[in-house]
Amino acid sequence: MRFFNSVKALYTAVGILFLLFVLGGYLDFRNEAMNSRHLQISIALERMIRLDQELTAMLVLAAMEQNELRVTRYETVNQDVEAAIQKVIDLTKEQSMTQEISAMREGHKKISNIEEIALQKMRAGSWKEAKDILFGDEYSSAKKTYEIDTETIPGVVLGEIGAIENRFNTIKSVALAARIGALCLLLWTGIMFSRRTRADLAEQVRLQAEISGANKFLEERVQERTEELRLLLHSAGEGMFGVDAAGQATFINPVALHLLGFDEKEMIGQEVHGLIHHSHEDASPYPKENCPIFTTCTLGTQSQATNEVLWRKDGRSFPVEYTSTPIIKDGNVMGAVVTFRDVTERKQAEKDLTEHMKELETFTRLTIDREEKMIELKEEINNLLEQTGQEKKYRIVE
């Protein structure tokens, strides 16, 4: 049953109907051709009989009236009879009537030979001999046999024609019934297919509604996620920017723009290394091949730097720490995300702390030296007192 609901069934029904209509058209064409041929056979037989009767009357009247003018058209009419016989032969080739037609043709030929002798006698003025020939037993017998053939053969031919027409009509009836059946099959298949199409259409409408709802939900989620990312970029305390595999900036957050001094349109699409990472702190060139960010974009490895600088739009540099994380999709490196922070204050604090530590170290050294001097002086006083017989004044703790 599912087959009749399919497109294949519809195409099959259309194909069968088309073939049956082609067959029906062919049968109609053959039927028309057969009817036309049968009509021509009937006309040729009637013409043959009529012309043959005209020949007989022509010869008999000429002999009775002894008037040679009566037979002036004999050759023409006789040729017309032969042409009619030949046409019947040509038109009945498919009906297996060669023997009957050949017998009729032989009979006409025999009669024509006798009539030719009678004509010669008429033209020679031997009218009595011509009458004897035309009214003789041989001519009468041949004529009678020929008349029987001309009466029998058309009936046989027409009977054969009728049988062929009956067979064709039977075939046409079967073909018509088949066409009607195929048409009914096509209608039924069309109805079944239409029902399935409507069901499929309803299902498609339902699925389309679900897809639309899902798409709307996804769009809302994308918008929410995009907004979250935007807020994250804008609220991040560190500078952040993205680069593609060629090292060109794809996005940058406000913190990074503020630290670098650029506008967003001046950064997006630009080659980052040549714009903000082109030199070391001492202004010596920084080859792109040695850049950790470039390494991340090419090798897909995470990189970190703690003692490098980035360059502002105004040409000044500032110390940074940054991390470069690769963006990988389907095993391919698509670019990197770089987060960095300005460590100027920390570097200054480290410097101040180092200097303070140096000052403390100097002060401590000076204090230790003073204490050592005081101990030496106390020991010298105690030695002098001891030499004069007096007690030691200072107690020195080791």
Protein backbone atom coordinates (compact mmCIF):
# COMPACT_ATOMS: atom_id res chain seq x y z
CA MET A 1 0.00 0.00 0.00
CA ARG A 2 2.88 2.36 0.75
CA PHE A 3 4.04 1.94 -2.86
CA PHE A 4 0.84 3.57 -4.16
CA ASN A 5 1.50 6.58 -1.92
CA SER A 6 4.93 7.16 -3.46
CA VAL A 7 6.09 9.31 -6.34
CA LYS A 8 7.34 6.14 -8.02
CA ALA A 9 3.80 4.77 -8.17
CA LEU A 10 2.55 8.02 -9.70
CA TYR A 11 5.27 7.97 -12.32
CA THR A 12 4.56 4.28 -13.01
CA ALA A 13 0.85 4.97 -13.54
CA VAL A 14 1.63 7.91 -15.81
CA GLY A 15 4.10 5.76 -17.76
CA ILE A 16 1.56 2.92 -18.18
CA LEU A 17 -1.13 5.38 -19.26
CA PHE A 18 1.26 7.01 -21.70
CA LEU A 19 2.24 3.66 -23.21
CA LEU A 20 -1.39 2.61 -23.51
CA PHE A 21 -2.31 5.89 -25.18
CA VAL A 22 0.61 5.44 -27.57
CA LEU A 23 -0.58 1.88 -28.26
CA GLY A 24 -4.14 3.11 -28.70
CA GLY A 25 -2.95 5.82 -31.06
CA TYR A 26 -1.00 3.24 -33.04
CA LEU A 27 -4.05 0.95 -33.22
CA ASP A 28 -6.22 3.88 -34.32
CA PHE A 29 -3.67 4.71 -36.99
CA ARG A 30 -3.53 1.09 -38.17
CA ASN A 31 -7.31 0.90 -38.11
CA GLU A 32 -7.62 4.05 -40.19
CA ALA A 33 -5.00 2.72 -42.60
CA MET A 34 -6.79 -0.66 -42.76
CA ASN A 35 -10.18 0.97 -43.37
CA SER A 36 -8.66 3.11 -46.08
CA ARG A 37 -7.05 0.03 -47.69
CA HIS A 38 -10.26 -1.97 -47.43
CA LEU A 39 -12.19 0.87 -49.04
CA GLN A 40 -9.68 0.99 -51.86
CA ILE A 41 -10.01 -2.82 -52.33
CA SER A 42 -13.78 -2.53 -52.49
CA ILE A 43 -13.59 0.35 -54.98
CA ALA A 44 -11.00 -1.52 -57.09
CA LEU A 45 -13.19 -4.70 -57.14
CA GLU A 46 -16.29 -2.74 -58.09
CA ARG A 47 -14.36 -0.91 -60.80
CA MET A 48 -12.93 -4.18 -62.10
CA ILE A 49 -16.39 -5.79 -62.34
CA ARG A 50 -17.91 -2.68 -63.92
CA LEU A 51 -15.13 -2.36 -66.50
CA ASP A 52 -15.28 -6.06 -67.28
CA GLN A 53 -19.01 -5.77 -67.90
CA GLU A 54 -18.32 -2.76 -70.11
CA LEU A 55 -15.81 -4.80 -72.15
CA THR A 56 -18.31 -7.62 -72.66
CA ALA A 57 -21.09 -5.24 -73.72
CA MET A 58 -18.69 -3.39 -76.02
CA LEU A 59 -17.67 -6.57 -77.89
CA VAL A 60 -21.18 -8.01 -78.07
CA LEU A 61 -22.69 -4.78 -79.48
CA ALA A 62 -19.86 -4.42 -81.98
CA ALA A 63 -20.43 -7.99 -83.22
CA MET A 64 -24.21 -7.62 -83.33
CA GLU A 65 -24.11 -4.25 -85.14
CA GLN A 66 -20.98 -5.11 -87.11
CA ASN A 67 -19.69 -1.70 -86.06
CA GLU A 68 -15.97 -1.54 -85.43
CA LEU A 69 -16.29 1.87 -83.76
CA ARG A 70 -17.83 0.15 -80.77
CA VAL A 71 -14.45 -1.38 -79.86
CA THR A 72 -12.21 1.65 -80.32
CA ARG A 73 -11.84 1.97 -76.49
CA TYR A 74 -11.24 -1.72 -75.94
CA GLU A 75 -7.49 -1.48 -75.25
CA THR A 76 -7.97 1.44 -72.84
CA VAL A 77 -10.74 -0.25 -70.88
CA ASN A 78 -8.87 -3.56 -70.85
CA GLN A 79 -5.80 -1.81 -69.45
CA ASP A 80 -8.01 -0.24 -66.76
CA VAL A 81 -9.29 -3.72 -65.85
CA GLU A 82 -5.74 -5.04 -65.56
CA ALA A 83 -4.76 -2.02 -63.49
CA ALA A 84 -7.73 -2.62 -61.16
CA ILE A 85 -6.77 -6.30 -60.83
CA GLN A 86 -3.15 -5.32 -60.06
CA LYS A 87 -4.32 -2.82 -57.44
CA VAL A 88 -6.43 -5.51 -55.79
CA ILE A 89 -3.37 -7.80 -55.79
CA ASP A 90 -1.23 -5.09 -54.25
CA LEU A 91 -3.81 -4.26 -51.60
CA THR A 92 -4.42 -7.90 -50.61
CA LYS A 93 -0.80 -8.99 -50.20
CA GLU A 94 -1.19 -9.14 -46.42
CA GLN A 95 -4.36 -11.29 -46.59
CA SER A 96 -2.86 -14.51 -48.05
CA MET A 97 -5.22 -14.48 -51.04
CA THR A 98 -2.57 -14.86 -53.72
CA GLN A 99 -4.09 -18.08 -55.11
CA GLU A 100 -7.61 -16.65 -55.51
CA ILE A 101 -6.41 -13.40 -57.06
CA SER A 102 -4.03 -15.27 -59.37
CA ALA A 103 -6.92 -17.49 -60.55
CA MET A 104 -9.02 -14.39 -61.27
CA ARG A 105 -6.12 -12.82 -63.14
CA GLU A 106 -5.56 -15.99 -65.20
CA GLY A 107 -9.26 -16.08 -66.02
CA HIS A 108 -9.17 -12.46 -67.21
CA LYS A 109 -6.05 -13.16 -69.25
CA LYS A 110 -7.74 -16.16 -70.93
CA ILE A 111 -10.80 -14.06 -71.76
CA SER A 112 -8.58 -11.24 -73.07
CA ASN A 113 -6.79 -13.67 -75.42
CA ILE A 114 -10.11 -14.88 -76.85
CA GLU A 115 -11.41 -11.32 -77.18
CA GLU A 116 -8.20 -10.30 -78.93
CA ILE A 117 -8.82 -12.99 -81.59
CA ALA A 118 -12.41 -11.77 -82.00
CA LEU A 119 -11.15 -8.19 -82.40
CA GLN A 120 -8.76 -9.25 -85.10
CA LYS A 121 -11.63 -10.93 -86.96
CA MET A 122 -13.76 -7.77 -86.62
CA ARG A 123 -10.99 -5.61 -87.98
CA ALA A 124 -10.56 -8.06 -90.85
CA GLY A 125 -14.29 -7.81 -91.60
CA SER A 126 -14.98 -11.44 -90.59
CA TRP A 127 -17.98 -10.57 -88.46
CA LYS A 128 -19.47 -14.06 -88.56
CA GLU A 129 -16.28 -15.63 -87.24
CA ALA A 130 -16.09 -12.93 -84.60
CA LYS A 131 -19.66 -13.75 -83.50
CA ASP A 132 -18.87 -17.45 -83.42
CA ILE A 133 -15.91 -16.74 -81.14
CA LEU A 134 -17.84 -14.42 -78.82
CA PHE A 135 -20.85 -16.71 -78.64
CA GLY A 136 -18.84 -19.92 -78.71
CA ASP A 137 -18.58 -22.44 -75.91
CA GLU A 138 -14.91 -21.64 -75.10
CA TYR A 139 -15.56 -17.94 -74.58
CA SER A 140 -18.82 -18.57 -72.72
CA SER A 141 -17.15 -21.13 -70.47
CA ALA A 142 -14.18 -18.85 -69.76
CA LYS A 143 -16.52 -15.93 -69.18
CA LYS A 144 -18.73 -17.96 -66.85
CA THR A 145 -15.72 -19.14 -64.84
CA TYR A 146 -14.41 -15.59 -64.64
CA GLU A 147 -17.78 -14.24 -63.53
CA ILE A 148 -17.94 -16.87 -60.79
CA ASP A 149 -14.45 -15.84 -59.66
CA THR A 150 -15.33 -12.13 -59.73
CA GLU A 151 -18.46 -12.82 -57.70
CA THR A 152 -16.75 -15.17 -55.21
CA ILE A 153 -13.41 -13.46 -54.67
CA PRO A 154 -14.82 -10.02 -53.63
CA GLY A 155 -16.99 -11.79 -51.09
CA VAL A 156 -13.97 -13.69 -49.77
CA VAL A 157 -11.91 -10.50 -49.72
CA LEU A 158 -14.65 -8.56 -47.99
CA GLY A 159 -15.15 -11.42 -45.54
CA GLU A 160 -11.44 -11.43 -44.75
CA ILE A 161 -11.60 -7.67 -44.38
CA GLY A 162 -14.52 -8.02 -41.98
CA ALA A 163 -12.65 -10.62 -39.91
CA ILE A 164 -9.60 -8.37 -39.71
CA GLU A 165 -11.79 -5.45 -38.70
CA ASN A 166 -13.39 -7.59 -35.99
CA ARG A 167 -9.97 -8.56 -34.63
CA PHE A 168 -8.88 -4.95 -34.70
CA ASN A 169 -12.07 -3.86 -32.99
CA THR A 170 -11.48 -6.49 -30.29
CA ILE A 171 -7.92 -5.27 -29.81
CA LYS A 172 -9.14 -1.66 -29.75
CA SER A 173 -11.77 -2.57 -27.15
CA VAL A 174 -9.15 -4.27 -24.99
CA ALA A 175 -6.80 -1.30 -25.44
CA LEU A 176 -9.61 1.11 -24.56
CA ALA A 177 -10.47 -0.92 -21.46
CA ALA A 178 -6.78 -0.95 -20.53
CA ARG A 179 -6.59 2.82 -21.00
CA ILE A 180 -9.65 3.31 -18.83
CA GLY A 181 -8.13 1.00 -16.21
CA ALA A 182 -4.81 2.86 -16.40
CA LEU A 183 -6.66 6.17 -16.08
CA CYS A 184 -8.50 4.86 -13.02
CA LEU A 185 -5.17 3.63 -11.60
CA LEU A 186 -3.66 7.06 -12.25
CA LEU A 187 -6.59 8.78 -10.55
CA TRP A 188 -6.44 6.45 -7.57
CA THR A 189 -2.64 6.77 -7.33
CA GLY A 190 -3.00 10.53 -7.67
CA ILE A 191 -5.54 10.62 -4.85
CA MET A 192 -3.32 8.48 -2.62
CA PHE A 193 -0.27 10.55 -3.50
CA SER A 194 -2.23 13.74 -2.89
CA ARG A 195 -3.20 12.51 0.56
CA ARG A 196 0.39 11.66 1.34
CA THR A 197 1.53 15.00 -0.09
CA ARG A 198 -0.93 16.85 2.13
CA ALA A 199 0.25 14.81 5.12
CA ASP A 200 3.88 15.49 4.22
CA LEU A 201 3.09 19.16 3.75
CA ALA A 202 1.43 19.32 7.15
CA GLU A 203 4.44 17.55 8.64
CA GLN A 204 6.77 19.97 6.85
CA VAL A 205 4.76 22.91 8.19
CA ARG A 206 5.01 21.45 11.69
CA LEU A 207 8.72 20.81 11.33
CA GLN A 208 9.22 24.27 9.85
CA ALA A 209 7.45 25.75 12.83
CA GLU A 210 9.67 23.73 15.16
CA ILE A 211 12.76 24.75 13.21
CA SER A 212 11.68 28.39 13.28
CA GLY A 213 11.14 28.16 17.02
CA ALA A 214 14.51 26.45 17.48
CA ASN A 215 16.21 29.07 15.29
CA LYS A 216 14.56 31.85 17.25
CA PHE A 217 15.71 30.25 20.49
CA LEU A 218 19.25 29.83 19.12
CA GLU A 219 19.28 33.42 17.87
CA GLU A 220 18.22 34.60 21.31
CA ARG A 221 20.90 32.46 22.91
CA VAL A 222 23.48 33.77 20.44
CA GLN A 223 22.43 37.33 21.18
CA GLU A 224 22.59 36.65 24.92
CA ARG A 225 25.98 34.99 24.54
CA THR A 226 27.22 37.82 22.34
CA GLU A 227 26.07 40.35 24.90
CA GLU A 228 27.77 38.36 27.66
CA LEU A 229 30.99 38.28 25.69
CA ARG A 230 30.70 42.00 24.96
CA LEU A 231 30.19 42.74 28.64
CA LEU A 232 33.05 40.42 29.49
CA LEU A 233 35.36 42.19 27.06
CA HIS A 234 34.29 45.61 28.30
CA SER A 235 34.42 44.73 31.98
CA ALA A 236 37.68 42.80 31.90
CA GLY A 237 40.42 44.45 33.97
CA GLU A 238 43.04 43.34 31.46
CA GLY A 239 43.65 44.27 27.88
CA MET A 240 42.41 41.67 25.43
CA PHE A 241 42.54 41.32 21.66
CA GLY A 242 42.22 38.53 19.10
CA VAL A 243 44.27 37.83 15.98
CA ASP A 244 43.70 35.51 13.03
CA ALA A 245 46.22 33.03 11.61
CA ALA A 246 47.90 35.86 9.71
CA GLY A 247 48.35 37.90 12.88
CA GLN A 248 45.72 40.52 12.02
CA ALA A 249 43.48 41.90 14.77
CA THR A 250 39.91 40.57 14.78
CA PHE A 251 38.63 42.17 18.01
CA ILE A 252 39.92 44.30 20.89
CA ASN A 253 38.38 45.40 24.18
CA PRO A 254 38.22 48.98 25.53
CA VAL A 255 40.91 48.34 28.17
CA ALA A 256 43.41 47.38 25.48
CA LEU A 257 42.42 50.39 23.36
CA HIS A 258 42.89 52.69 26.37
CA LEU A 259 46.33 51.25 27.20
CA LEU A 260 47.53 51.33 23.59
CA GLY A 261 45.99 54.68 22.68
CA PHE A 262 44.39 53.43 19.44
CA ASP A 263 40.81 53.57 18.15
CA GLU A 264 39.14 50.26 17.35
CA LYS A 265 39.01 50.99 13.61
CA GLU A 266 42.77 51.63 13.68
CA MET A 267 43.39 48.14 15.09
CA ILE A 268 40.88 45.81 13.45
CA GLY A 269 42.33 44.16 10.34
CA GLN A 270 45.85 45.45 11.02
CA GLU A 271 48.93 43.29 11.53
CA VAL A 272 49.37 43.46 15.32
CA HIS A 273 53.09 42.72 15.61
CA GLY A 274 54.08 45.52 13.28
CA LEU A 275 51.73 47.93 15.05
CA ILE A 276 52.35 47.41 18.79
CA HIS A 277 55.06 44.74 19.21
CA HIS A 278 57.71 45.68 16.66
CA SER A 279 60.62 46.50 19.01
CA HIS A 280 62.20 45.53 22.29
CA GLU A 281 62.33 47.90 25.29
CA ASP A 282 65.68 49.25 24.10
CA ALA A 283 64.06 50.03 20.68
CA SER A 284 66.00 47.25 18.93
CA PRO A 285 63.95 45.44 16.24
CA TYR A 286 61.85 42.50 17.40
CA PRO A 287 61.65 39.90 14.54
CA LYS A 288 58.16 38.57 14.04
CA GLU A 289 59.51 35.01 13.90
CA ASN A 290 60.67 35.32 17.51
CA CYS A 291 57.36 36.71 18.75
CA PRO A 292 55.46 34.37 21.13
CA ILE A 293 52.14 35.57 19.68
CA PHE A 294 53.27 34.58 16.18
CA THR A 295 54.40 31.20 17.55
CA THR A 296 50.93 30.65 19.00
CA CYS A 297 49.28 31.44 15.65
CA THR A 298 51.58 29.10 13.71
CA LEU A 299 52.21 26.20 16.13
CA GLY A 300 49.04 26.38 18.23
CA THR A 301 50.94 26.43 21.53
CA GLN A 302 50.14 28.69 24.46
CA SER A 303 52.81 31.32 25.16
CA GLN A 304 53.54 33.64 28.08
CA ALA A 305 55.84 36.64 28.45
CA THR A 306 56.67 38.54 31.64
CA ASN A 307 59.43 40.92 30.56
CA GLU A 308 58.33 42.51 27.29
CA VAL A 309 56.86 45.82 26.21
CA LEU A 310 54.04 46.98 23.93
CA TRP A 311 54.14 50.23 22.01
CA ARG A 312 51.49 52.90 22.20
CA LYS A 313 50.20 54.95 19.30
CA ASP A 314 52.26 57.94 20.49
CA GLY A 315 55.46 55.89 20.20
CA ARG A 316 55.98 55.26 23.91
CA SER A 317 56.38 51.76 25.29
CA PHE A 318 55.15 50.28 28.57
CA PRO A 319 56.04 46.99 30.29
CA VAL A 320 53.51 44.20 30.08
CA GLU A 321 52.86 40.62 30.99
CA TYR A 322 50.75 38.72 28.46
CA THR A 323 49.39 35.27 27.66
CA SER A 324 48.72 34.12 24.10
CA THR A 325 46.15 31.27 23.81
CA PRO A 326 45.52 29.53 20.45
CA ILE A 327 42.09 29.32 18.79
CA ILE A 328 41.77 25.81 17.32
CA LYS A 329 38.88 24.53 15.18
CA ASP A 330 38.76 21.02 13.66
CA GLY A 331 42.44 20.60 14.36
CA ASN A 332 43.41 23.81 12.54
CA VAL A 333 44.87 26.90 14.23
CA MET A 334 42.52 29.79 13.43
CA GLY A 335 44.35 32.46 15.45
CA ALA A 336 44.94 33.46 19.07
CA VAL A 337 43.50 35.45 21.96
CA VAL A 338 46.00 37.67 23.79
CA THR A 339 45.40 39.03 27.31
CA PHE A 340 47.89 41.53 28.77
CA ARG A 341 48.27 43.89 31.71
CA ASP A 342 50.29 47.02 32.22
CA VAL A 343 52.94 46.25 34.92
CA THR A 344 54.47 49.76 35.01
CA GLU A 345 53.42 50.36 38.62
CA ARG A 346 54.62 46.94 39.71
CA LYS A 347 57.94 47.44 37.98
CA GLN A 348 58.28 50.84 39.70
CA ALA A 349 57.37 49.30 43.06
CA GLU A 350 59.95 46.57 42.54
CA LYS A 351 62.53 49.23 41.67
CA ASP A 352 61.64 51.33 44.75
CA LEU A 353 61.81 48.24 46.92
CA THR A 354 65.21 47.34 45.55
CA GLU A 355 66.53 50.83 46.23
CA HIS A 356 65.08 50.81 49.76
CA MET A 357 66.68 47.44 50.44
CA LYS A 358 70.00 48.87 49.33
CA GLU A 359 69.57 51.84 51.71
CA LEU A 360 68.73 49.50 54.59
CA GLU A 361 71.73 47.40 53.82
CA THR A 362 73.97 50.50 53.89
CA PHE A 363 72.48 51.71 57.19
CA THR A 364 72.88 48.30 58.75
CA ARG A 365 76.46 48.16 57.62
CA LEU A 366 77.12 51.56 59.13
CA THR A 367 75.47 50.56 62.43
CA ILE A 368 77.50 47.37 62.65
CA ASP A 369 80.72 49.29 61.99
CA ARG A 370 79.83 51.82 64.76
CA GLU A 371 79.16 49.06 67.24
CA GLU A 372 82.45 47.40 66.40
CA LYS A 373 84.26 50.75 66.95
CA MET A 374 82.57 51.22 70.35
CA ILE A 375 83.61 47.73 71.48
CA GLU A 376 87.20 48.37 70.43
CA LEU A 377 87.20 51.70 72.38
CA LYS A 378 85.76 50.06 75.54
CA GLU A 379 88.33 47.30 75.39
CA GLU A 380 91.11 49.90 75.10
CA ILE A 381 89.79 51.82 78.16
CA ASN A 382 89.51 48.63 80.20
CA ASN A 383 93.11 47.74 79.26
CA LEU A 384 94.37 51.16 80.39
CA LEU A 385 92.52 50.96 83.70
CA GLU A 386 93.82 47.47 84.23
CA GLN A 387 97.41 48.65 83.68
CA THR A 388 97.01 51.38 86.34
CA GLY A 389 95.64 48.88 88.82
CA GLN A 390 92.09 49.97 88.54
CA GLU A 391 89.04 47.81 87.81
CA LYS A 392 87.54 47.49 84.34
CA LYS A 393 84.84 50.04 83.69
CA TYR A 394 82.97 48.33 80.84
CA ARG A 395 81.61 44.86 80.55
CA ILE A 396 81.93 43.56 77.05
CA VAL A 397 79.50 40.90 75.97
CA GLU A 398 80.84 38.53 73.38
